[in-house]
Amino acid sequence: MLRFAEVNVSDSRTIAGVVGGLWLAHLAAVVRFGVAAPGPVLSDVIQFALGLVLIYALLRAGNEAEGMARSFWRLTMAAYGLLVVGQVMSIYIDLTGSPTVSWIANILYCFWFAPLAMAIFLDPENPLGQLDTLKILDFVQAMLVCGAAYIYFFYLPKADSPEELAHSVWTPYFVGYTAVSVSFLLRAAVTTSRDVRSLFGRMGAFLVVSGCVDALYYYGPGRGLRTGAWFDLLWSALLVAPTLLAITWKQAEPAEPGFEPPKRERRIFSEIFYLIYPMLVLLMSLYIARARLGLASAIVFLSFVCSSARLLVTQQRLLRTKDTLRREAARDGLTGLWNHKAILEILDRELLRAERDATPVGVIMADVDHFKAINDERGHAAGDSVLRILATAMAAVVRPYDSVGRYGGEEFLIVAPNCNLAETWELAERIRAHVAACNINAAGSKVQVNLSLGIATGNSASDAQKLLRAADAALYQAKAAGRNQVAPALGRAASASPASTPAPGRDFWL
């Protein structure tokens, strides 16, 4: 581990040295050649080299990170990949003098941050690396933003040069860029995760600085400067800065979950991040509608479909989660049977139905004989396994419409609708015989598990507590009479089925 850390530190220093040397080389090229040949080509080539080093640093940071941080760095790498492609086109323009791809390079330079803005939608509470419907819809929404931005910033306005934005759209461009930067800073401010705060806080501050440099280019001293001029050093610095961010970032939170669950950061105002793209589409479509009403309507309609689909998917997941929580709240965590509260509610419901239909309800109270000895001799883990096996065995014997619940500890409660006392005894005897025939082995030795069962019947909802007390008293009667039996002992009922005979032995290994 120490050797691995030393390699990482050495690699980081090498990357820092390379980007520092490239920036100094850029400084020398600007001082020596400026805008004269081969200054512009050298400037673009050095920036291309800085972009490649940056992508390597981002790839390295993504491979070393885990969870949401890995996706963050990969989205950042995709964003700067667009910037590097634009740089390749700039080199092509410098070498050939052809302006045919100038508008493409300009779009890449202006909207390189679109993949990075997708990081706002990353959720640290969900597993990453999986194809998620919401992420697909967010991606489609982002593509609509890019399409609307192309029409808004390049297709409709008339720029003086194909290599820069039209003056009329400078202000809305910076408004959109500022919205993304503020979203990063806001995400860092509201989060409870140290990693999220570090990632979004540092990158948000960098985006603010990057936006200020863009403003200096369009409004300040950089306006009208050609490639190779001193302002290119600022562009290079904007490639050096994220490289240093990538090589110096360290994951603060462990990948393995601790004993305490992480504090959830889901707040209602965090959902505003998902409204940024639809809002940008709407604002740009208002301008597009002046010249292309049908085109603007189509863009808004598609954005509305994505937003509505996202809302429906979210609602469906909420309902599914609600149902899951309801089921989990009614189930025993160890055995998977109904828990104490749920089985009593089932008993009340069946007694109400029995009172209405004038039919009996059988109740069986079952207890594991000498269960404390199992825990003492073989450990509580073995005892838990025995309870799980018994839960499976009892659930396999009862009828589909009977209910089995864990009443508490090693006690179980079975509710059998439409069973008189004799039929309840038959069911209890089948359960006892089935469990007694199970061969449970722990650490190479057999564990003999038997049940003592008490039965009672009733048909009035008001007598639920009396019914439970009667079954519990019968259970103690079975314990006092020697265990591994059903009380009251009715003997084999005349209507008992052959299934009440002990089943062949079943092997269970712990």
Protein backbone atom coordinates (compact mmCIF):
# COMPACT_ATOMS: atom_id res chain seq x y z
CA MET A 1 0.00 0.00 0.00
CA LEU A 2 2.87 2.36 0.88
CA ARG A 3 4.60 1.56 -2.40
CA PHE A 4 1.37 2.28 -4.32
CA ALA A 5 1.04 5.66 -2.57
CA GLU A 6 4.66 6.52 -3.45
CA VAL A 7 3.98 5.72 -7.12
CA ASN A 8 0.91 7.94 -7.12
CA VAL A 9 2.83 10.86 -5.59
CA SER A 10 5.62 10.43 -8.13
CA ASP A 11 3.11 10.29 -11.00
CA SER A 12 1.37 13.44 -9.75
CA ARG A 13 4.67 15.29 -9.59
CA THR A 14 5.51 14.19 -13.12
CA ILE A 15 2.16 15.44 -14.43
CA ALA A 16 2.59 18.75 -12.60
CA GLY A 17 6.08 19.11 -14.06
CA VAL A 18 4.86 18.38 -17.60
CA VAL A 19 2.01 20.91 -17.52
CA GLY A 20 4.30 23.50 -15.93
CA GLY A 21 6.88 22.95 -18.68
CA LEU A 22 4.25 23.18 -21.43
CA TRP A 23 2.91 26.44 -20.05
CA LEU A 24 6.41 27.92 -19.92
CA ALA A 25 6.94 26.73 -23.50
CA HIS A 26 3.72 28.50 -24.46
CA LEU A 27 4.97 31.65 -22.78
CA ALA A 28 8.21 31.45 -24.76
CA ALA A 29 6.29 30.93 -28.04
CA VAL A 30 4.06 33.93 -27.37
CA VAL A 31 7.03 36.15 -26.49
CA ARG A 32 9.12 34.95 -29.46
CA PHE A 33 6.51 34.73 -32.27
CA GLY A 34 3.21 36.20 -31.08
CA VAL A 35 0.60 36.23 -33.86
CA ALA A 36 3.24 35.86 -36.56
CA ALA A 37 3.89 32.44 -38.10
CA PRO A 38 4.46 29.88 -36.67
CA GLY A 39 3.12 31.44 -33.44
CA PRO A 40 -0.59 30.57 -33.90
CA VAL A 41 0.19 26.95 -34.80
CA LEU A 42 2.59 26.56 -31.86
CA SER A 43 -0.01 28.08 -29.52
CA ASP A 44 -2.70 25.66 -30.63
CA VAL A 45 -0.35 22.66 -30.56
CA ILE A 46 0.78 23.44 -27.00
CA GLN A 47 -2.83 23.85 -25.87
CA PHE A 48 -3.63 20.52 -27.55
CA ALA A 49 -0.76 18.88 -25.63
CA LEU A 50 -2.03 20.43 -22.38
CA GLY A 51 -5.48 19.03 -23.17
CA LEU A 52 -4.08 15.52 -23.62
CA VAL A 53 -2.21 15.71 -20.30
CA LEU A 54 -5.41 16.98 -18.66
CA ILE A 55 -7.44 14.05 -20.03
CA TYR A 56 -4.81 11.63 -18.72
CA ALA A 57 -4.97 13.27 -15.28
CA LEU A 58 -8.78 13.06 -15.30
CA LEU A 59 -8.67 9.40 -16.39
CA ARG A 60 -6.24 8.67 -13.57
CA ALA A 61 -8.42 10.47 -11.03
CA GLY A 62 -11.49 8.56 -12.23
CA ASN A 63 -9.75 5.20 -11.95
CA GLU A 64 -8.60 5.94 -8.41
CA ALA A 65 -11.99 7.30 -7.30
CA GLU A 66 -15.04 5.27 -6.33
CA GLY A 67 -18.79 5.83 -6.35
CA MET A 68 -20.10 9.17 -7.50
CA ALA A 69 -16.61 10.70 -7.70
CA ARG A 70 -15.66 8.29 -10.48
CA SER A 71 -18.62 9.36 -12.60
CA PHE A 72 -17.84 13.01 -11.87
CA TRP A 73 -14.29 12.71 -13.19
CA ARG A 74 -15.43 10.75 -16.23
CA LEU A 75 -17.99 13.40 -17.14
CA THR A 76 -15.26 16.01 -16.71
CA MET A 77 -13.03 13.98 -19.01
CA ALA A 78 -15.81 13.84 -21.62
CA ALA A 79 -16.21 17.62 -21.42
CA TYR A 80 -12.52 18.29 -21.96
CA GLY A 81 -12.49 15.67 -24.69
CA LEU A 82 -14.82 17.97 -26.64
CA LEU A 83 -12.44 20.84 -25.97
CA VAL A 84 -9.49 18.82 -27.29
CA VAL A 85 -11.46 17.97 -30.45
CA GLY A 86 -12.09 21.69 -30.93
CA GLN A 87 -8.36 22.29 -30.49
CA VAL A 88 -7.61 19.75 -33.24
CA MET A 89 -9.95 21.67 -35.56
CA SER A 90 -8.16 24.92 -34.68
CA ILE A 91 -4.83 23.35 -35.65
CA TYR A 92 -6.41 22.22 -38.93
CA ILE A 93 -7.63 25.77 -39.58
CA ASP A 94 -4.17 27.20 -38.80
CA LEU A 95 -2.46 24.79 -41.18
CA THR A 96 -4.95 24.93 -44.08
CA GLY A 97 -6.54 28.32 -43.68
CA SER A 98 -9.94 26.73 -44.38
CA PRO A 99 -12.82 28.20 -42.29
CA THR A 100 -15.23 25.35 -43.09
CA VAL A 101 -15.01 23.84 -39.60
CA SER A 102 -14.74 27.14 -37.72
CA TRP A 103 -18.34 27.07 -36.57
CA ILE A 104 -17.94 23.51 -35.23
CA ALA A 105 -14.80 24.46 -33.31
CA ASN A 106 -16.58 27.50 -31.92
CA ILE A 107 -19.51 25.42 -30.69
CA LEU A 108 -17.12 23.02 -28.96
CA TYR A 109 -15.24 25.90 -27.35
CA CYS A 110 -18.44 27.55 -26.15
CA PHE A 111 -20.33 24.47 -24.92
CA TRP A 112 -17.57 22.09 -23.88
CA PHE A 113 -18.95 22.18 -20.33
CA ALA A 114 -22.29 20.54 -21.28
CA PRO A 115 -21.18 16.99 -20.23
CA LEU A 116 -19.68 18.43 -17.04
CA ALA A 117 -23.01 20.09 -16.23
CA MET A 118 -24.54 16.59 -16.22
CA ALA A 119 -22.63 16.00 -12.97
CA ILE A 120 -25.24 18.13 -11.20
CA PHE A 121 -27.66 15.21 -11.62
CA LEU A 122 -25.37 12.63 -10.00
CA ASP A 123 -26.84 11.10 -6.86
CA PRO A 124 -24.33 9.80 -4.26
CA GLU A 125 -27.04 7.58 -2.73
CA ASN A 126 -27.54 5.48 -5.87
CA PRO A 127 -25.16 2.92 -7.36
CA LEU A 128 -23.35 4.30 -10.36
CA GLY A 129 -22.17 2.67 -13.53
CA GLN A 130 -25.64 1.36 -14.30
CA LEU A 131 -27.93 2.37 -17.15
CA ASP A 132 -30.59 4.40 -15.42
CA THR A 133 -33.81 5.66 -17.02
CA LEU A 134 -33.58 9.04 -15.29
CA LYS A 135 -30.01 9.54 -16.46
CA ILE A 136 -31.05 8.73 -20.03
CA LEU A 137 -33.83 11.32 -19.85
CA ASP A 138 -31.41 13.88 -18.39
CA PHE A 139 -29.00 13.15 -21.23
CA VAL A 140 -31.74 13.65 -23.82
CA GLN A 141 -32.65 16.93 -22.11
CA ALA A 142 -28.99 17.98 -22.32
CA MET A 143 -28.93 17.20 -26.03
CA LEU A 144 -32.01 19.38 -26.48
CA VAL A 145 -30.16 22.19 -24.72
CA CYS A 146 -27.22 21.77 -27.11
CA GLY A 147 -29.57 21.77 -30.11
CA ALA A 148 -31.40 24.84 -28.91
CA ALA A 149 -28.08 26.52 -28.12
CA TYR A 150 -26.80 25.90 -31.64
CA ILE A 151 -29.91 27.48 -33.14
CA TYR A 152 -29.92 30.30 -30.60
CA PHE A 153 -26.24 31.22 -30.66
CA PHE A 154 -25.13 30.31 -34.19
CA TYR A 155 -27.93 29.57 -36.65
CA LEU A 156 -30.15 32.61 -36.15
CA PRO A 157 -27.68 35.37 -35.10
CA LYS A 158 -25.30 36.82 -37.66
CA ALA A 159 -21.76 36.95 -36.31
CA ASP A 160 -19.04 39.13 -37.76
CA SER A 161 -16.79 36.08 -37.87
CA PRO A 162 -17.64 32.36 -37.90
CA GLU A 163 -14.98 31.90 -35.23
CA GLU A 164 -16.81 33.78 -32.46
CA LEU A 165 -20.29 34.38 -31.05
CA ALA A 166 -22.52 37.12 -32.37
CA HIS A 167 -22.45 40.21 -30.14
CA SER A 168 -26.22 40.00 -29.58
CA VAL A 169 -25.97 36.67 -27.73
CA TRP A 170 -22.99 37.35 -25.50
CA THR A 171 -25.14 38.27 -22.50
CA PRO A 172 -27.49 35.22 -22.57
CA TYR A 173 -24.46 32.97 -23.10
CA PHE A 174 -22.87 34.22 -19.89
CA VAL A 175 -26.20 33.95 -18.07
CA GLY A 176 -26.37 30.24 -18.94
CA TYR A 177 -22.72 29.68 -18.03
CA THR A 178 -23.24 31.46 -14.74
CA ALA A 179 -26.28 29.29 -13.99
CA VAL A 180 -24.14 26.16 -14.31
CA SER A 181 -21.37 27.64 -12.13
CA VAL A 182 -23.82 28.72 -9.43
CA SER A 183 -25.44 25.26 -9.51
CA PHE A 184 -22.07 23.65 -8.75
CA LEU A 185 -21.44 26.03 -5.86
CA LEU A 186 -24.99 25.53 -4.55
CA ARG A 187 -24.61 21.74 -4.74
CA ALA A 188 -21.41 22.04 -2.69
CA ALA A 189 -23.15 24.27 -0.14
CA VAL A 190 -26.18 22.05 0.50
CA THR A 191 -24.48 18.64 0.52
CA THR A 192 -23.52 16.65 3.60
CA SER A 193 -20.87 14.62 1.73
CA ARG A 194 -17.25 15.74 2.04
CA ASP A 195 -16.40 14.32 -1.38
CA VAL A 196 -19.32 16.06 -3.08
CA ARG A 197 -18.43 19.32 -1.34
CA SER A 198 -14.83 19.04 -2.48
CA LEU A 199 -15.65 18.08 -6.08
CA PHE A 200 -18.42 20.58 -6.76
CA GLY A 201 -16.91 23.38 -4.66
CA ARG A 202 -13.51 23.33 -6.36
CA MET A 203 -14.92 22.79 -9.84
CA GLY A 204 -17.59 25.47 -9.29
CA ALA A 205 -14.92 27.98 -8.28
CA PHE A 206 -12.92 27.05 -11.37
CA LEU A 207 -15.96 27.53 -13.62
CA VAL A 208 -16.43 31.02 -12.15
CA VAL A 209 -12.82 31.88 -12.99
CA SER A 210 -13.23 30.36 -16.47
CA GLY A 211 -16.35 32.47 -17.04
CA CYS A 212 -14.44 35.60 -16.02
CA VAL A 213 -11.73 34.79 -18.56
CA ASP A 214 -14.40 34.35 -21.24
CA ALA A 215 -15.88 37.71 -20.26
CA LEU A 216 -12.46 39.34 -20.63
CA TYR A 217 -12.21 37.84 -24.10
CA TYR A 218 -15.62 39.03 -25.32
CA TYR A 219 -15.90 42.30 -23.39
CA GLY A 220 -12.40 43.18 -22.20
CA PRO A 221 -8.84 43.40 -23.53
CA GLY A 222 -9.05 40.04 -25.27
CA ARG A 223 -11.65 41.19 -27.77
CA GLY A 224 -10.34 41.11 -31.33
CA LEU A 225 -7.04 39.42 -30.48
CA ARG A 226 -5.78 36.77 -32.86
CA THR A 227 -4.49 33.28 -32.06
CA GLY A 228 -0.95 33.47 -30.71
CA ALA A 229 -1.51 36.68 -28.77
CA TRP A 230 -0.82 37.00 -25.05
CA PHE A 231 -4.43 36.09 -24.18
CA ASP A 232 -3.73 32.48 -25.23
CA LEU A 233 -1.69 32.13 -22.04
CA LEU A 234 -4.93 32.50 -20.07
CA TRP A 235 -6.55 29.73 -22.14
CA SER A 236 -3.54 27.53 -21.33
CA ALA A 237 -3.83 28.38 -17.64
CA LEU A 238 -7.46 27.21 -17.77
CA LEU A 239 -6.13 23.79 -18.84
CA VAL A 240 -3.41 23.72 -16.19
CA ALA A 241 -5.82 24.49 -13.31
CA PRO A 242 -8.16 21.46 -13.70
CA THR A 243 -5.09 19.25 -14.20
CA LEU A 244 -3.83 20.32 -10.79
CA LEU A 245 -7.31 19.81 -9.33
CA ALA A 246 -7.38 16.24 -10.66
CA ILE A 247 -3.93 15.20 -9.42
CA THR A 248 -4.35 16.76 -5.95
CA TRP A 249 -7.89 15.52 -5.22
CA LYS A 250 -8.15 12.66 -2.72
CA GLN A 251 -11.30 10.76 -1.81
CA ALA A 252 -12.18 11.62 1.78
CA GLU A 253 -14.98 9.14 2.44
CA PRO A 254 -14.41 5.36 2.58
CA ALA A 255 -15.99 3.24 -0.13
CA GLU A 256 -17.17 0.68 2.42
CA PRO A 257 -20.25 1.74 4.38
CA GLY A 258 -19.70 2.28 8.10
CA PHE A 259 -21.75 1.03 11.00
CA GLU A 260 -23.93 4.12 10.82
CA PRO A 261 -25.76 4.80 7.56
CA PRO A 262 -24.69 8.00 5.78
CA LYS A 263 -26.82 11.01 6.43
CA ARG A 264 -29.13 11.54 3.50
CA GLU A 265 -28.77 14.85 1.71
CA ARG A 266 -32.05 14.67 -0.15
CA ARG A 267 -33.81 17.98 0.39
CA ILE A 268 -36.62 19.45 -1.60
CA PHE A 269 -34.53 22.34 -2.90
CA SER A 270 -31.97 19.92 -4.33
CA GLU A 271 -34.58 19.00 -6.96
CA ILE A 272 -34.13 22.42 -8.60
CA PHE A 273 -31.04 21.05 -10.33
CA TYR A 274 -33.29 18.97 -12.58
CA LEU A 275 -35.11 22.14 -13.71
CA ILE A 276 -32.01 23.88 -15.07
CA TYR A 277 -32.01 22.26 -18.53
CA PRO A 278 -35.77 22.64 -19.18
CA MET A 279 -35.50 26.27 -18.06
CA LEU A 280 -32.63 26.93 -20.49
CA VAL A 281 -34.55 25.25 -23.32
CA LEU A 282 -37.61 27.40 -22.60
CA LEU A 283 -35.65 30.66 -22.45
CA MET A 284 -33.82 29.99 -25.72
CA SER A 285 -37.02 28.80 -27.42
CA LEU A 286 -38.70 32.13 -26.63
CA TYR A 287 -36.12 33.83 -28.83
CA ILE A 288 -36.13 31.10 -31.49
CA ALA A 289 -39.93 31.42 -31.78
CA ARG A 290 -39.56 34.92 -33.24
CA ALA A 291 -38.00 33.49 -36.38
CA ARG A 292 -38.91 29.78 -36.33
CA LEU A 293 -42.13 29.23 -34.40
CA GLY A 294 -42.58 25.62 -35.50
CA LEU A 295 -38.99 24.73 -34.63
CA ALA A 296 -39.27 26.37 -31.21
CA SER A 297 -42.55 24.55 -30.54
CA ALA A 298 -40.97 21.19 -31.40
CA ILE A 299 -38.03 21.82 -29.05
CA VAL A 300 -40.30 22.88 -26.18
CA PHE A 301 -42.59 19.90 -26.78
CA LEU A 302 -39.70 17.43 -26.66
CA SER A 303 -38.38 19.06 -23.50
CA PHE A 304 -41.85 18.83 -21.97
CA VAL A 305 -42.05 15.12 -22.87
CA CYS A 306 -38.68 14.45 -21.20
CA SER A 307 -39.65 16.40 -18.08
CA SER A 308 -43.02 14.66 -17.86
CA ALA A 309 -41.45 11.24 -18.38
CA ARG A 310 -38.95 12.00 -15.65
CA LEU A 311 -41.76 12.99 -13.31
CA LEU A 312 -43.69 9.78 -14.07
CA VAL A 313 -40.63 7.57 -13.58
CA THR A 314 -39.88 9.28 -10.27
CA GLN A 315 -43.48 8.87 -9.13
CA GLN A 316 -43.45 5.18 -10.07
CA ARG A 317 -40.26 4.64 -8.08
CA LEU A 318 -41.72 6.43 -5.08
CA LEU A 319 -44.79 4.21 -5.15
CA ARG A 320 -42.65 1.09 -5.52
CA THR A 321 -40.45 2.20 -2.63
CA LYS A 322 -43.54 2.90 -0.54
CA ASP A 323 -44.88 -0.61 -1.20
CA THR A 324 -41.50 -2.14 -0.39
CA LEU A 325 -41.27 -0.25 2.89
CA ARG A 326 -44.79 -1.31 3.78
CA ARG A 327 -43.91 -4.97 3.16
CA GLU A 328 -40.64 -4.70 5.08
CA ALA A 329 -42.42 -3.03 7.99
CA ALA A 330 -44.72 -6.07 8.28
CA ARG A 331 -42.00 -8.74 7.98
CA ASP A 332 -39.63 -10.16 10.57
CA GLY A 333 -36.06 -9.31 9.63
CA LEU A 334 -34.59 -12.69 10.60
CA THR A 335 -37.12 -15.24 9.40
CA GLY A 336 -39.06 -13.34 6.73
CA LEU A 337 -42.34 -14.29 8.41
CA TRP A 338 -44.96 -11.79 9.52
CA ASN A 339 -43.72 -9.82 12.52
CA HIS A 340 -45.52 -9.53 15.87
CA LYS A 341 -47.65 -6.55 14.92
CA ALA A 342 -48.57 -7.88 11.46
CA ILE A 343 -49.62 -11.36 12.63
CA LEU A 344 -51.87 -9.84 15.32
CA GLU A 345 -53.48 -7.60 12.70
CA ILE A 346 -54.06 -10.68 10.54
CA LEU A 347 -55.66 -12.44 13.52
CA ASP A 348 -58.00 -9.50 14.12
CA ARG A 349 -58.95 -9.42 10.44
CA GLU A 350 -59.64 -13.15 10.28
CA LEU A 351 -61.73 -13.00 13.46
CA LEU A 352 -63.81 -10.18 12.00
CA ARG A 353 -64.43 -12.28 8.89
CA ALA A 354 -65.22 -15.32 11.01
CA GLU A 355 -67.69 -13.34 13.08
CA ARG A 356 -69.43 -12.22 9.91
CA ASP A 357 -69.45 -15.69 8.30
CA ALA A 358 -70.01 -17.67 11.52
CA THR A 359 -66.89 -19.80 10.95
CA PRO A 360 -64.12 -20.66 13.44
CA VAL A 361 -60.50 -19.46 13.36
CA GLY A 362 -57.75 -21.71 14.68
CA VAL A 363 -54.75 -20.28 16.50
CA ILE A 364 -51.51 -22.22 17.07
CA MET A 365 -48.83 -20.98 19.42
CA ALA A 366 -45.52 -22.81 18.79
CA ASP A 367 -42.31 -22.65 20.81
CA VAL A 368 -38.92 -24.26 20.10
CA ASP A 369 -37.97 -26.77 22.81
CA HIS A 370 -34.65 -26.17 24.60
CA PHE A 371 -33.73 -23.33 22.26
CA LYS A 372 -31.51 -21.68 24.88
CA ALA A 373 -29.31 -24.76 24.87
CA ILE A 374 -28.78 -24.41 21.12
CA ASN A 375 -27.64 -20.80 21.57
CA ASP A 376 -25.40 -21.68 24.52
CA GLU A 377 -23.74 -24.72 22.92
CA ARG A 378 -23.45 -23.64 19.28
CA GLY A 379 -23.71 -19.85 19.38
CA HIS A 380 -26.36 -17.35 18.46
CA ALA A 381 -25.52 -17.58 14.76
CA ALA A 382 -26.52 -21.25 14.80
CA GLY A 383 -29.66 -20.34 16.75
CA ASP A 384 -30.62 -17.75 14.13
CA SER A 385 -30.11 -20.32 11.38
CA VAL A 386 -32.34 -22.78 13.24
CA LEU A 387 -35.09 -20.16 13.45
CA ARG A 388 -34.83 -19.46 9.72
CA ILE A 389 -35.04 -23.19 8.91
CA LEU A 390 -38.04 -23.62 11.19
CA ALA A 391 -39.76 -20.65 9.58
CA THR A 392 -39.28 -22.23 6.16
CA ALA A 393 -40.47 -25.62 7.40
CA MET A 394 -43.65 -24.26 8.98
CA ALA A 395 -44.48 -22.10 5.98
CA ALA A 396 -44.17 -25.20 3.77
CA VAL A 397 -46.69 -27.21 5.83
CA VAL A 398 -49.51 -24.74 6.33
CA ARG A 399 -52.21 -24.03 3.77
CA PRO A 400 -51.76 -21.15 1.29
CA TYR A 401 -54.32 -19.04 3.13
CA ASP A 402 -52.88 -19.69 6.60
CA SER A 403 -50.54 -17.10 8.11
CA VAL A 404 -47.33 -17.76 10.05
CA GLY A 405 -45.71 -15.05 12.14
CA ARG A 406 -42.86 -14.70 14.59
CA TYR A 407 -44.57 -13.86 17.85
CA GLY A 408 -41.36 -13.18 19.73
CA GLY A 409 -37.98 -14.84 20.34
CA GLU A 410 -38.41 -18.51 19.48
CA GLU A 411 -42.23 -18.38 19.58
CA PHE A 412 -44.37 -18.52 16.45
CA LEU A 413 -48.05 -17.82 15.89
CA ILE A 414 -50.09 -19.53 13.15
CA VAL A 415 -53.52 -18.22 12.21
CA ALA A 416 -55.66 -20.84 10.43
CA PRO A 417 -59.01 -19.52 9.12
CA ASN A 418 -62.04 -21.82 8.96
CA CYS A 419 -60.52 -24.44 11.28
CA ASN A 420 -62.34 -25.93 14.25
CA LEU A 421 -60.45 -27.35 17.20
CA ALA A 422 -59.93 -30.80 15.64
CA GLU A 423 -58.71 -29.34 12.32
CA THR A 424 -56.44 -26.93 14.16
CA TRP A 425 -54.98 -29.88 16.07
CA GLU A 426 -54.37 -31.75 12.80
CA LEU A 427 -52.51 -28.76 11.36
CA ALA A 428 -50.45 -28.33 14.52
CA GLU A 429 -49.58 -32.03 14.55
CA ARG A 430 -48.45 -31.89 10.91
CA ILE A 431 -46.19 -28.96 11.76
CA ARG A 432 -44.76 -30.78 14.81
CA ALA A 433 -44.09 -33.99 12.89
CA HIS A 434 -42.57 -32.15 9.92
CA VAL A 435 -40.14 -30.23 12.14
CA ALA A 436 -39.22 -33.32 14.17
CA ALA A 437 -38.31 -35.13 10.95
CA CYS A 438 -35.86 -32.42 9.84
CA ASN A 439 -32.18 -33.31 10.22
CA ILE A 440 -30.31 -30.11 11.13
CA ASN A 441 -26.53 -30.39 11.37
CA ALA A 442 -24.27 -27.79 12.94
CA ALA A 443 -20.47 -28.17 12.91
CA GLY A 444 -20.79 -31.84 11.99
CA SER A 445 -23.20 -32.77 14.78
CA LYS A 446 -26.96 -33.19 14.58
CA VAL A 447 -29.23 -30.68 16.25
CA GLN A 448 -32.50 -32.19 17.37
CA VAL A 449 -35.20 -29.53 17.15
CA ASN A 450 -38.73 -30.09 18.41
CA LEU A 451 -41.76 -27.89 18.87
CA SER A 452 -44.30 -27.62 21.63
CA LEU A 453 -47.61 -26.26 20.36
CA GLY A 454 -50.74 -24.93 21.99
CA ILE A 455 -54.02 -24.54 20.09
CA ALA A 456 -57.27 -22.64 20.55
CA THR A 457 -60.18 -21.57 18.39
CA GLY A 458 -62.61 -18.67 18.35
CA ASN A 459 -64.89 -16.66 16.10
CA SER A 460 -65.27 -13.28 17.77
CA ALA A 461 -63.06 -10.24 17.20
CA SER A 462 -63.60 -9.12 20.78
CA ASP A 463 -62.08 -12.36 22.07
CA ALA A 464 -58.69 -12.00 20.35
CA GLN A 465 -56.75 -11.53 23.58
CA LYS A 466 -58.63 -14.36 25.26
CA LEU A 467 -57.82 -16.60 22.29
CA LEU A 468 -54.11 -15.76 22.52
CA ARG A 469 -54.08 -16.40 26.26
CA ALA A 470 -55.83 -19.74 25.72
CA ALA A 471 -53.29 -20.81 23.07
CA ASP A 472 -50.43 -19.64 25.30
CA ALA A 473 -51.83 -21.59 28.27
CA ALA A 474 -52.12 -24.68 26.09
CA LEU A 475 -48.50 -24.19 25.00
CA TYR A 476 -47.35 -24.21 28.62
CA GLN A 477 -49.46 -27.32 29.14
CA ALA A 478 -47.56 -29.02 26.30
CA LYS A 479 -44.25 -27.93 27.85
CA ALA A 480 -45.25 -29.29 31.25
CA ALA A 481 -46.38 -32.60 29.74
CA GLY A 482 -42.94 -33.33 28.27
CA ARG A 483 -42.58 -31.06 25.20
CA ASN A 484 -42.65 -32.09 21.51
CA GLN A 485 -46.44 -32.36 21.51
CA VAL A 486 -49.65 -30.48 20.83
CA ALA A 487 -51.98 -29.39 23.65
CA PRO A 488 -54.76 -29.88 24.29
CA ALA A 489 -54.02 -33.44 23.20
CA LEU A 490 -57.08 -34.48 21.17
CA GLY A 491 -55.48 -37.59 19.73
CA ARG A 492 -55.61 -38.37 16.02
CA ALA A 493 -58.84 -36.85 14.71
CA ALA A 494 -61.14 -38.96 12.60
CA SER A 495 -60.76 -36.58 9.67
CA ALA A 496 -56.99 -36.41 9.88
CA SER A 497 -55.31 -36.82 6.54
CA PRO A 498 -52.33 -39.09 5.82
CA ALA A 499 -50.23 -35.94 5.52
CA SER A 500 -50.20 -35.75 9.30
CA THR A 501 -47.73 -38.64 9.50
CA PRO A 502 -44.09 -37.67 9.89
CA ALA A 503 -42.45 -36.76 6.62
CA PRO A 504 -39.14 -38.34 5.53
CA GLY A 505 -36.07 -36.76 7.08
CA ARG A 506 -34.82 -33.55 5.50
CA ASP A 507 -31.19 -32.47 5.87
CA PHE A 508 -30.23 -28.89 6.75
CA TRP A 509 -26.60 -27.89 7.22
CA LEU A 510 -25.48 -24.78 9.12
